Amino acid sequence: MYILLKNKIELIWVKLISYLIKLEMHPESGRFYIYPSVRIDHPQNIILETGVALYRRGWIYAVPSTSEKAVIRIKSGTKIYDNFHITSTEKVEIGKNCLINRNVLITDTIHNYEDIEIPVIEQGDRASATIIGDDCWIGNNAAIISSRIGKHCIIGANTVIVNKTIPDYSVVGGNPGKILKQYSAEEKKWVLIKQSLSH
């Protein structure tokens, strides 16, 4: 009884907080749900479409933009669970109806490190858009950096993908991530393969 009441109170609180946050978000945002422990920086550059849910203790950060376009867009129906970290200095787009598990990093930015005479912290960074297609499932502890992922892809737990392109209907695992399976339209089934990700 106590747990049921606690959950109902939490849901009411989430709806209220989400309504207040929406007032500061990019005007294209829809009706979304954000837990109070989520940190949001520069909400005016973030579009959360209807049905998006961001769960506990995440951080979503979009640098201030001089254009009218948001640098982060999460499309309708996508659920992102606890301890996520999403940052953008150029463009991050996550498709519709994605399921993103806990402790996932998604970003379009990498720190420069090439000059060994200068501390990494002083070398600045570079950005390349990260795009995740519709209907993807991303497992716990995955990291996706400056990469493009097709629709209906499965990214396994602990997978790291940096500066790569993944075709539609792929299963990816490992560090660095490799394509393990792809759906064959001819055979109408998922087929095991061995292939490095393309640039």
Protein backbone atom coordinates (compact mmCIF):
# COMPACT_ATOMS: atom_id res chain seq x y z
CA MET A 1 0.00 0.00 0.00
CA TYR A 2 2.80 2.40 0.93
CA ILE A 3 4.75 1.68 -2.28
CA LEU A 4 1.65 2.20 -4.44
CA LEU A 5 0.93 5.55 -2.77
CA LYS A 6 4.60 6.59 -3.07
CA ASN A 7 4.60 5.77 -6.79
CA LYS A 8 1.41 7.77 -7.39
CA ILE A 9 2.80 10.80 -5.57
CA GLU A 10 6.04 10.56 -7.56
CA LEU A 11 4.11 10.40 -10.85
CA ILE A 12 2.11 13.53 -9.94
CA TRP A 13 5.35 15.31 -9.03
CA VAL A 14 6.98 14.24 -12.33
CA LYS A 15 4.02 15.59 -14.32
CA LEU A 16 4.16 18.92 -12.49
CA ILE A 17 7.92 19.29 -12.92
CA SER A 18 7.67 18.33 -16.60
CA TYR A 19 5.00 20.97 -17.19
CA LEU A 20 7.18 23.66 -15.59
CA ILE A 21 10.29 22.57 -17.52
CA LYS A 22 8.36 22.67 -20.80
CA LEU A 23 7.91 26.42 -20.36
CA GLU A 24 11.69 26.82 -20.82
CA MET A 25 12.20 24.26 -23.59
CA HIS A 26 12.42 24.85 -27.32
CA PRO A 27 8.89 25.72 -28.57
CA GLU A 28 8.73 22.60 -30.78
CA SER A 29 8.74 20.38 -27.69
CA GLY A 30 5.66 18.29 -26.97
CA ARG A 31 4.31 16.68 -23.81
CA PHE A 32 7.20 14.82 -22.19
CA TYR A 33 8.08 13.42 -18.75
CA ILE A 34 11.27 14.32 -16.86
CA TYR A 35 12.14 13.18 -13.36
CA PRO A 36 13.19 16.00 -11.00
CA SER A 37 16.74 14.63 -10.59
CA VAL A 38 17.52 15.14 -14.29
CA ARG A 39 19.84 18.07 -14.94
CA ILE A 40 19.05 20.18 -18.04
CA ASP A 41 21.41 22.86 -19.35
CA HIS A 42 20.35 25.31 -22.09
CA PRO A 43 16.80 23.92 -22.50
CA GLN A 44 16.04 26.41 -25.28
CA ASN A 45 18.29 24.30 -27.56
CA ILE A 46 16.56 21.00 -26.77
CA ILE A 47 13.44 19.54 -28.40
CA LEU A 48 11.68 16.72 -26.55
CA GLU A 49 8.76 15.44 -28.57
CA THR A 50 5.51 14.02 -27.16
CA GLY A 51 5.87 10.84 -25.15
CA VAL A 52 9.59 11.21 -24.41
CA ALA A 53 10.54 10.10 -20.88
CA LEU A 54 13.84 10.93 -19.18
CA TYR A 55 14.37 9.01 -15.96
CA ARG A 56 16.41 9.61 -12.84
CA ARG A 57 19.79 11.33 -12.40
CA GLY A 58 20.49 12.04 -16.07
CA TRP A 59 22.19 15.07 -17.61
CA ILE A 60 21.21 16.59 -20.96
CA TYR A 61 23.37 19.50 -22.10
CA ALA A 62 23.10 21.59 -25.27
CA VAL A 63 25.50 24.49 -25.71
CA PRO A 64 23.93 27.88 -26.43
CA SER A 65 23.11 28.29 -30.11
CA THR A 66 22.98 31.49 -32.15
CA SER A 67 20.57 29.88 -34.63
CA GLU A 68 16.90 29.06 -34.12
CA LYS A 69 17.58 25.33 -34.42
CA ALA A 70 17.97 23.15 -31.38
CA VAL A 71 21.13 21.07 -31.17
CA ILE A 72 19.42 18.13 -29.39
CA ARG A 73 16.18 16.52 -30.58
CA ILE A 74 14.65 13.41 -29.02
CA LYS A 75 11.69 12.13 -31.02
CA SER A 76 8.34 10.85 -29.82
CA GLY A 77 7.97 7.78 -27.65
CA THR A 78 11.65 7.38 -26.72
CA LYS A 79 12.47 6.29 -23.17
CA ILE A 80 15.88 6.96 -21.60
CA TYR A 81 16.62 5.39 -18.23
CA ASP A 82 18.72 6.37 -15.24
CA ASN A 83 22.16 8.05 -15.23
CA PHE A 84 22.19 8.92 -18.93
CA HIS A 85 24.52 11.63 -20.26
CA ILE A 86 23.58 13.41 -23.52
CA THR A 87 25.65 16.38 -24.68
CA SER A 88 25.88 18.32 -27.92
CA THR A 89 27.77 21.21 -29.45
CA GLU A 90 26.51 20.59 -32.99
CA LYS A 91 23.66 18.08 -33.35
CA VAL A 92 22.35 15.03 -31.53
CA GLU A 93 19.14 13.45 -32.80
CA ILE A 94 17.52 10.34 -31.32
CA GLY A 95 14.70 8.75 -33.30
CA LYS A 96 11.20 7.64 -32.38
CA ASN A 97 10.37 4.82 -29.98
CA CYS A 98 13.94 4.09 -28.89
CA LEU A 99 14.68 2.26 -25.65
CA ILE A 100 17.89 3.48 -24.03
CA ASN A 101 19.02 1.69 -20.88
CA ARG A 102 20.99 2.96 -17.89
CA ASN A 103 24.39 4.70 -17.82
CA VAL A 104 24.46 5.48 -21.55
CA LEU A 105 26.59 8.29 -23.05
CA ILE A 106 25.46 9.93 -26.30
CA THR A 107 27.44 12.91 -27.63
CA ASP A 108 28.64 14.58 -30.81
CA THR A 109 31.84 15.97 -29.29
CA ILE A 110 35.39 14.64 -28.78
CA HIS A 111 38.26 16.43 -27.04
CA ASN A 112 41.33 17.17 -29.14
CA TYR A 113 44.49 15.53 -27.84
CA GLU A 114 46.96 15.48 -30.73
CA ASP A 115 49.44 18.14 -29.49
CA ILE A 116 51.49 16.54 -26.72
CA GLU A 117 52.92 19.94 -25.73
CA ILE A 118 49.49 21.22 -24.62
CA PRO A 119 47.30 19.73 -21.86
CA VAL A 120 44.24 18.01 -23.32
CA ILE A 121 41.96 20.24 -21.27
CA GLU A 122 43.33 23.28 -23.16
CA GLN A 123 43.09 21.84 -26.70
CA GLY A 124 39.39 22.37 -27.19
CA ASP A 125 37.12 19.89 -28.91
CA ARG A 126 35.61 18.98 -32.26
CA ALA A 127 32.09 17.92 -33.13
CA SER A 128 30.38 15.73 -35.70
CA ALA A 129 26.66 15.02 -35.58
CA THR A 130 25.33 11.93 -33.81
CA ILE A 131 22.12 10.54 -35.33
CA ILE A 132 20.26 7.51 -33.95
CA GLY A 133 17.43 6.08 -36.06
CA ASP A 134 13.92 5.04 -35.01
CA ASP A 135 13.16 1.92 -32.96
CA CYS A 136 16.68 1.33 -31.61
CA TRP A 137 17.55 -0.44 -28.38
CA ILE A 138 20.74 0.65 -26.60
CA GLY A 139 22.05 -1.47 -23.73
CA ASN A 140 23.49 -0.47 -20.35
CA ASN A 141 26.81 1.42 -20.26
CA ALA A 142 27.02 1.95 -24.03
CA ALA A 143 28.83 5.01 -25.44
CA ILE A 144 27.90 6.52 -28.82
CA ILE A 145 30.14 9.37 -29.97
CA SER A 146 29.97 11.28 -33.27
CA SER A 147 28.30 8.34 -35.02
CA ARG A 148 25.28 7.54 -37.18
CA ILE A 149 23.12 4.57 -36.30
CA GLY A 150 20.40 3.28 -38.60
CA LYS A 151 16.86 2.34 -37.65
CA HIS A 152 15.93 -0.75 -35.61
CA CYS A 153 19.49 -1.35 -34.42
CA ILE A 154 20.50 -3.16 -31.24
CA ILE A 155 23.56 -1.77 -29.42
CA GLY A 156 24.72 -4.24 -26.80
CA ALA A 157 25.64 -3.45 -23.21
CA ASN A 158 29.13 -1.89 -22.77
CA THR A 159 29.48 -1.24 -26.51
CA VAL A 160 31.59 1.76 -27.59
CA ILE A 161 30.98 3.37 -31.00
CA VAL A 162 33.13 6.33 -32.08
CA ASN A 163 33.05 8.03 -35.50
CA LYS A 164 31.23 5.12 -37.17
CA THR A 165 28.20 4.50 -39.39
CA ILE A 166 25.92 1.55 -38.68
CA PRO A 167 23.39 0.41 -41.29
CA ASP A 168 19.72 -0.26 -40.53
CA TYR A 169 18.77 -3.52 -38.81
CA SER A 170 22.16 -4.26 -37.22
CA VAL A 171 23.20 -5.80 -33.91
CA VAL A 172 26.43 -4.28 -32.58
CA GLY A 173 28.58 -5.30 -29.62
CA GLY A 174 32.04 -4.87 -28.15
CA ASN A 175 34.70 -2.20 -27.67
CA PRO A 176 35.30 -1.04 -30.29
CA GLY A 177 31.83 -1.93 -31.53
CA LYS A 178 31.48 -4.44 -34.35
CA ILE A 179 28.43 -5.58 -36.31
CA LEU A 180 27.49 -9.06 -35.08
CA LYS A 181 24.20 -9.61 -36.91
CA GLN A 182 22.11 -8.00 -39.62
CA TYR A 183 18.57 -8.68 -40.74
CA SER A 184 18.37 -10.35 -44.16
CA ALA A 185 15.26 -9.35 -46.11
CA GLU A 186 15.85 -12.26 -48.49
CA GLU A 187 16.10 -14.89 -45.74
CA LYS A 188 13.66 -13.05 -43.46
CA LYS A 189 15.86 -13.60 -40.42
CA TRP A 190 18.79 -12.14 -38.47
CA VAL A 191 22.09 -13.45 -39.87
CA LEU A 192 25.41 -13.72 -38.03
CA ILE A 193 28.23 -11.80 -39.71
CA LYS A 194 31.79 -10.68 -38.99
CA GLN A 195 32.40 -7.14 -40.17
CA SER A 196 34.10 -4.00 -38.88
CA LEU A 197 32.00 -0.87 -38.78
CA SER A 198 32.46 1.47 -41.76
CA HIS A 199 33.55 5.10 -41.38
